[in-house]
N, C-alpha and C. Protein backbone atom coordinates (compact mmCIF):
# COMPACT_ATOMS: atom_id res chain seq x y z
N MET A 1 61.78 45.54 -36.52
CA MET A 1 62.94 44.85 -35.66
C MET A 1 63.43 46.05 -34.67
N ALA A 2 63.37 47.25 -34.92
CA ALA A 2 63.99 48.30 -34.08
C ALA A 2 63.11 48.33 -33.09
N ARG A 3 61.81 48.10 -32.94
CA ARG A 3 60.81 48.15 -31.83
C ARG A 3 61.12 47.02 -31.10
N ALA A 4 61.01 45.65 -31.54
CA ALA A 4 61.35 44.56 -30.70
C ALA A 4 62.86 44.82 -30.03
N ARG A 5 63.76 45.34 -30.48
CA ARG A 5 65.13 45.60 -30.01
C ARG A 5 65.04 46.47 -28.73
N ALA A 6 64.22 47.64 -28.97
CA ALA A 6 64.16 48.81 -27.95
C ALA A 6 63.33 48.06 -26.89
N TYR A 7 62.29 47.33 -27.15
CA TYR A 7 61.56 46.72 -26.02
C TYR A 7 62.43 45.72 -25.48
N SER A 8 63.19 44.83 -26.01
CA SER A 8 64.05 44.05 -25.50
C SER A 8 65.22 44.66 -24.40
N ASP A 9 65.70 45.68 -25.08
CA ASP A 9 66.60 46.57 -24.29
C ASP A 9 66.16 46.92 -22.95
N LYS A 10 64.91 47.26 -22.94
CA LYS A 10 64.39 47.88 -21.59
C LYS A 10 64.27 46.51 -20.57
N ILE A 11 64.00 45.62 -21.01
CA ILE A 11 63.82 44.27 -20.22
C ILE A 11 65.28 43.95 -20.04
N LEU A 12 66.16 43.83 -20.71
CA LEU A 12 67.53 43.57 -20.33
C LEU A 12 68.23 44.55 -19.19
N ALA A 13 67.64 45.76 -19.33
CA ALA A 13 68.13 46.75 -18.32
C ALA A 13 67.59 46.80 -16.99
N SER A 14 66.62 45.90 -16.81
CA SER A 14 65.83 45.93 -15.53
C SER A 14 66.52 44.55 -14.95
N SER A 15 65.73 43.55 -14.55
CA SER A 15 66.23 42.36 -13.88
C SER A 15 66.01 41.18 -14.92
N PRO A 16 66.80 40.98 -16.00
CA PRO A 16 66.55 39.96 -16.97
C PRO A 16 66.63 38.53 -16.61
N LYS A 17 65.89 37.75 -17.11
CA LYS A 17 65.90 36.12 -16.85
C LYS A 17 66.67 35.59 -18.01
N ALA A 18 66.88 34.27 -17.96
CA ALA A 18 67.39 33.65 -19.24
C ALA A 18 66.67 33.73 -20.19
N GLU A 19 65.34 33.57 -20.18
CA GLU A 19 64.59 33.65 -21.41
C GLU A 19 64.47 35.16 -21.95
N ASP A 20 64.62 36.22 -21.24
CA ASP A 20 64.90 37.58 -21.55
C ASP A 20 66.13 37.48 -22.56
N TYR A 21 67.31 37.01 -22.16
CA TYR A 21 68.50 36.80 -22.93
C TYR A 21 68.24 36.27 -24.23
N LEU A 22 67.61 35.06 -24.09
CA LEU A 22 67.28 34.00 -25.14
C LEU A 22 66.37 34.87 -26.38
N ASN A 23 65.36 35.55 -25.79
CA ASN A 23 64.53 36.35 -26.65
C ASN A 23 65.51 37.41 -27.44
N ALA A 24 66.40 38.12 -26.60
CA ALA A 24 67.04 39.21 -27.23
C ALA A 24 68.01 38.71 -28.09
N GLY A 25 68.69 37.19 -28.18
CA GLY A 25 69.45 36.69 -28.99
C GLY A 25 68.92 36.34 -30.18
N HIS A 26 67.60 35.91 -30.11
CA HIS A 26 66.66 35.63 -31.29
C HIS A 26 66.50 36.92 -32.10
N ILE A 27 66.34 37.78 -31.65
CA ILE A 27 66.21 39.26 -32.20
C ILE A 27 67.52 39.65 -32.98
N GLU A 28 68.78 39.53 -32.38
CA GLU A 28 69.94 39.76 -33.10
C GLU A 28 70.18 38.74 -34.08
N LEU A 29 69.84 37.41 -33.68
CA LEU A 29 69.96 36.41 -34.79
C LEU A 29 69.32 36.69 -36.11
N SER A 30 67.93 37.11 -35.95
CA SER A 30 67.09 37.48 -37.14
C SER A 30 67.62 38.69 -37.72
N ALA A 31 68.24 39.32 -37.06
CA ALA A 31 68.75 40.74 -37.69
C ALA A 31 70.08 40.73 -38.27
N GLU A 32 70.55 39.40 -38.43
CA GLU A 32 71.79 38.93 -39.05
C GLU A 32 73.12 39.41 -38.26
N HIS A 33 72.89 39.68 -37.00
CA HIS A 33 74.07 39.79 -35.95
C HIS A 33 74.26 38.57 -35.17
N PRO A 34 75.20 37.59 -35.71
CA PRO A 34 75.41 36.34 -35.12
C PRO A 34 76.16 36.54 -33.77
N ARG A 35 77.06 37.47 -33.93
CA ARG A 35 77.99 37.66 -32.71
C ARG A 35 77.21 38.17 -31.37
N GLU A 36 76.31 39.14 -31.92
CA GLU A 36 75.50 39.77 -30.49
C GLU A 36 74.67 38.58 -30.09
N ALA A 37 74.21 37.76 -31.07
CA ALA A 37 73.30 36.95 -30.62
C ALA A 37 73.98 35.97 -29.77
N ALA A 38 75.04 35.51 -30.16
CA ALA A 38 75.94 34.65 -29.39
C ALA A 38 76.14 34.94 -28.11
N SER A 39 76.55 36.20 -27.87
CA SER A 39 76.70 36.89 -26.47
C SER A 39 75.53 36.84 -25.76
N LEU A 40 74.38 37.11 -26.27
CA LEU A 40 73.15 37.00 -25.65
C LEU A 40 72.79 35.68 -25.14
N TYR A 41 72.90 34.65 -26.01
CA TYR A 41 72.74 33.19 -25.61
C TYR A 41 73.76 32.76 -24.52
N LEU A 42 74.67 33.25 -24.72
CA LEU A 42 76.00 32.74 -23.58
C LEU A 42 75.40 33.24 -22.49
N LYS A 43 74.96 34.54 -22.25
CA LYS A 43 74.29 35.00 -21.04
C LYS A 43 73.16 34.23 -20.56
N ALA A 44 72.28 33.79 -21.34
CA ALA A 44 71.11 33.08 -20.97
C ALA A 44 71.41 31.60 -20.43
N SER A 45 72.39 30.97 -21.15
CA SER A 45 72.70 29.48 -20.68
C SER A 45 73.58 29.61 -19.21
N GLU A 46 74.08 31.13 -19.08
CA GLU A 46 74.98 31.06 -17.73
C GLU A 46 74.08 31.42 -16.55
N GLN A 47 72.78 31.51 -16.77
CA GLN A 47 71.89 32.03 -15.73
C GLN A 47 71.83 30.74 -14.78
N PRO A 48 71.56 31.00 -13.73
CA PRO A 48 71.49 30.02 -12.58
C PRO A 48 70.29 28.82 -13.03
N GLY A 49 70.46 27.89 -12.96
CA GLY A 49 69.53 26.61 -13.17
C GLY A 49 69.45 26.32 -14.72
N LYS A 50 70.32 27.04 -15.52
CA LYS A 50 70.14 26.77 -17.00
C LYS A 50 71.31 25.82 -17.33
N GLY A 51 71.77 26.32 -18.28
CA GLY A 51 72.90 25.71 -18.79
C GLY A 51 72.79 25.35 -20.43
N SER A 52 73.74 24.53 -20.84
CA SER A 52 73.67 24.03 -22.24
C SER A 52 72.75 23.07 -22.80
N GLN A 53 72.17 22.37 -21.84
CA GLN A 53 71.15 21.48 -22.26
C GLN A 53 69.80 22.36 -22.21
N TRP A 54 69.50 23.25 -21.46
CA TRP A 54 68.42 24.08 -21.39
C TRP A 54 68.29 25.01 -22.69
N PHE A 55 69.75 25.38 -22.95
CA PHE A 55 69.87 26.14 -24.13
C PHE A 55 69.42 25.59 -25.48
N LEU A 56 70.02 24.19 -25.57
CA LEU A 56 69.72 23.39 -26.79
C LEU A 56 68.27 23.10 -26.82
N LYS A 57 67.65 22.75 -25.82
CA LYS A 57 65.89 22.59 -25.75
C LYS A 57 65.31 23.75 -26.22
N ALA A 58 65.72 24.98 -25.78
CA ALA A 58 65.05 26.18 -25.76
C ALA A 58 65.17 26.58 -27.39
N MET A 59 66.57 26.45 -27.77
CA MET A 59 66.70 26.49 -29.51
C MET A 59 65.84 25.63 -30.33
N GLU A 60 65.72 24.37 -29.91
CA GLU A 60 64.99 23.45 -30.49
C GLU A 60 63.38 23.83 -30.55
N ASP A 61 63.08 24.41 -29.29
CA ASP A 61 61.68 24.60 -29.41
C ASP A 61 61.47 25.90 -30.29
N ASP A 62 62.11 26.77 -30.33
CA ASP A 62 62.04 27.84 -31.09
C ASP A 62 62.57 27.64 -32.59
N ALA A 63 62.81 26.76 -32.96
CA ALA A 63 63.49 26.49 -34.36
C ALA A 63 62.56 26.82 -35.60
N VAL A 64 61.16 26.43 -35.44
CA VAL A 64 60.29 27.02 -36.50
C VAL A 64 60.05 28.55 -36.52
N ALA A 65 60.02 29.21 -35.36
CA ALA A 65 59.89 30.55 -35.23
C ALA A 65 61.29 31.15 -35.89
N LEU A 66 62.46 30.70 -35.64
CA LEU A 66 63.55 31.29 -36.08
C LEU A 66 63.77 30.90 -37.68
N LYS A 67 63.26 30.07 -38.11
CA LYS A 67 63.12 29.78 -39.33
C LYS A 67 62.39 30.71 -40.47
N GLU A 68 61.00 30.88 -39.83
CA GLU A 68 60.06 31.89 -40.18
C GLU A 68 60.53 33.34 -40.11
N ALA A 69 61.36 33.62 -39.27
CA ALA A 69 62.17 35.04 -39.24
C ALA A 69 63.21 35.03 -40.09
N GLY A 70 63.40 34.05 -40.84
CA GLY A 70 64.56 34.12 -41.88
C GLY A 70 66.11 33.75 -41.40
N VAL A 71 66.06 33.04 -40.26
CA VAL A 71 67.33 32.73 -39.74
C VAL A 71 67.92 31.46 -40.52
N ASP A 72 69.10 31.69 -40.89
CA ASP A 72 69.75 30.68 -41.77
C ASP A 72 70.04 29.42 -40.85
N ASP A 73 69.82 28.23 -41.31
CA ASP A 73 70.05 26.99 -40.35
C ASP A 73 71.72 26.84 -40.18
N ILE A 74 72.49 27.27 -41.15
CA ILE A 74 73.91 27.16 -40.95
C ILE A 74 74.40 27.91 -39.87
N ILE A 75 73.93 29.13 -40.11
CA ILE A 75 74.32 30.55 -39.16
C ILE A 75 73.77 30.19 -37.72
N LYS A 76 72.61 29.58 -37.67
CA LYS A 76 72.16 29.17 -36.30
C LYS A 76 73.02 27.99 -35.68
N ALA A 77 73.49 27.05 -36.50
CA ALA A 77 74.25 26.02 -36.02
C ALA A 77 75.62 26.34 -35.51
N ILE A 78 76.01 27.26 -36.25
CA ILE A 78 77.49 28.01 -35.95
C ILE A 78 77.38 28.80 -34.50
N VAL A 79 76.35 29.67 -34.48
CA VAL A 79 76.20 30.12 -33.17
C VAL A 79 76.13 29.19 -31.99
N ILE A 80 75.14 28.25 -32.26
CA ILE A 80 74.82 27.20 -31.17
C ILE A 80 76.30 26.54 -31.01
N GLU A 81 76.89 26.12 -31.76
CA GLU A 81 78.37 25.27 -31.46
C GLU A 81 79.01 26.29 -30.70
N GLU A 82 78.98 27.79 -30.77
CA GLU A 82 79.94 28.53 -29.91
C GLU A 82 79.36 28.46 -28.52
N ILE A 83 78.14 28.39 -28.27
CA ILE A 83 77.64 28.36 -27.10
C ILE A 83 77.92 27.01 -26.17
N ILE A 84 77.78 25.92 -26.74
CA ILE A 84 77.68 24.69 -26.11
C ILE A 84 79.10 24.14 -26.22
């Protein structure tokens, strides 16, 4: 987890895209840091050309991977609700 976070931090320090914020959010959510995840997900959805529909689709597309990473469905739903 620490290695993934360190790599993600490097990406976010340069010129991050919405997908970079989304992936960083996934790292935080799987590390049981829902507030940090929500903050990153919000940044992802606020990127030009994205928005809440894009965010919902991305979360749906990544649902299996998040489940495999141990993300609780209820916590994920609460975080999603904060974003949309």
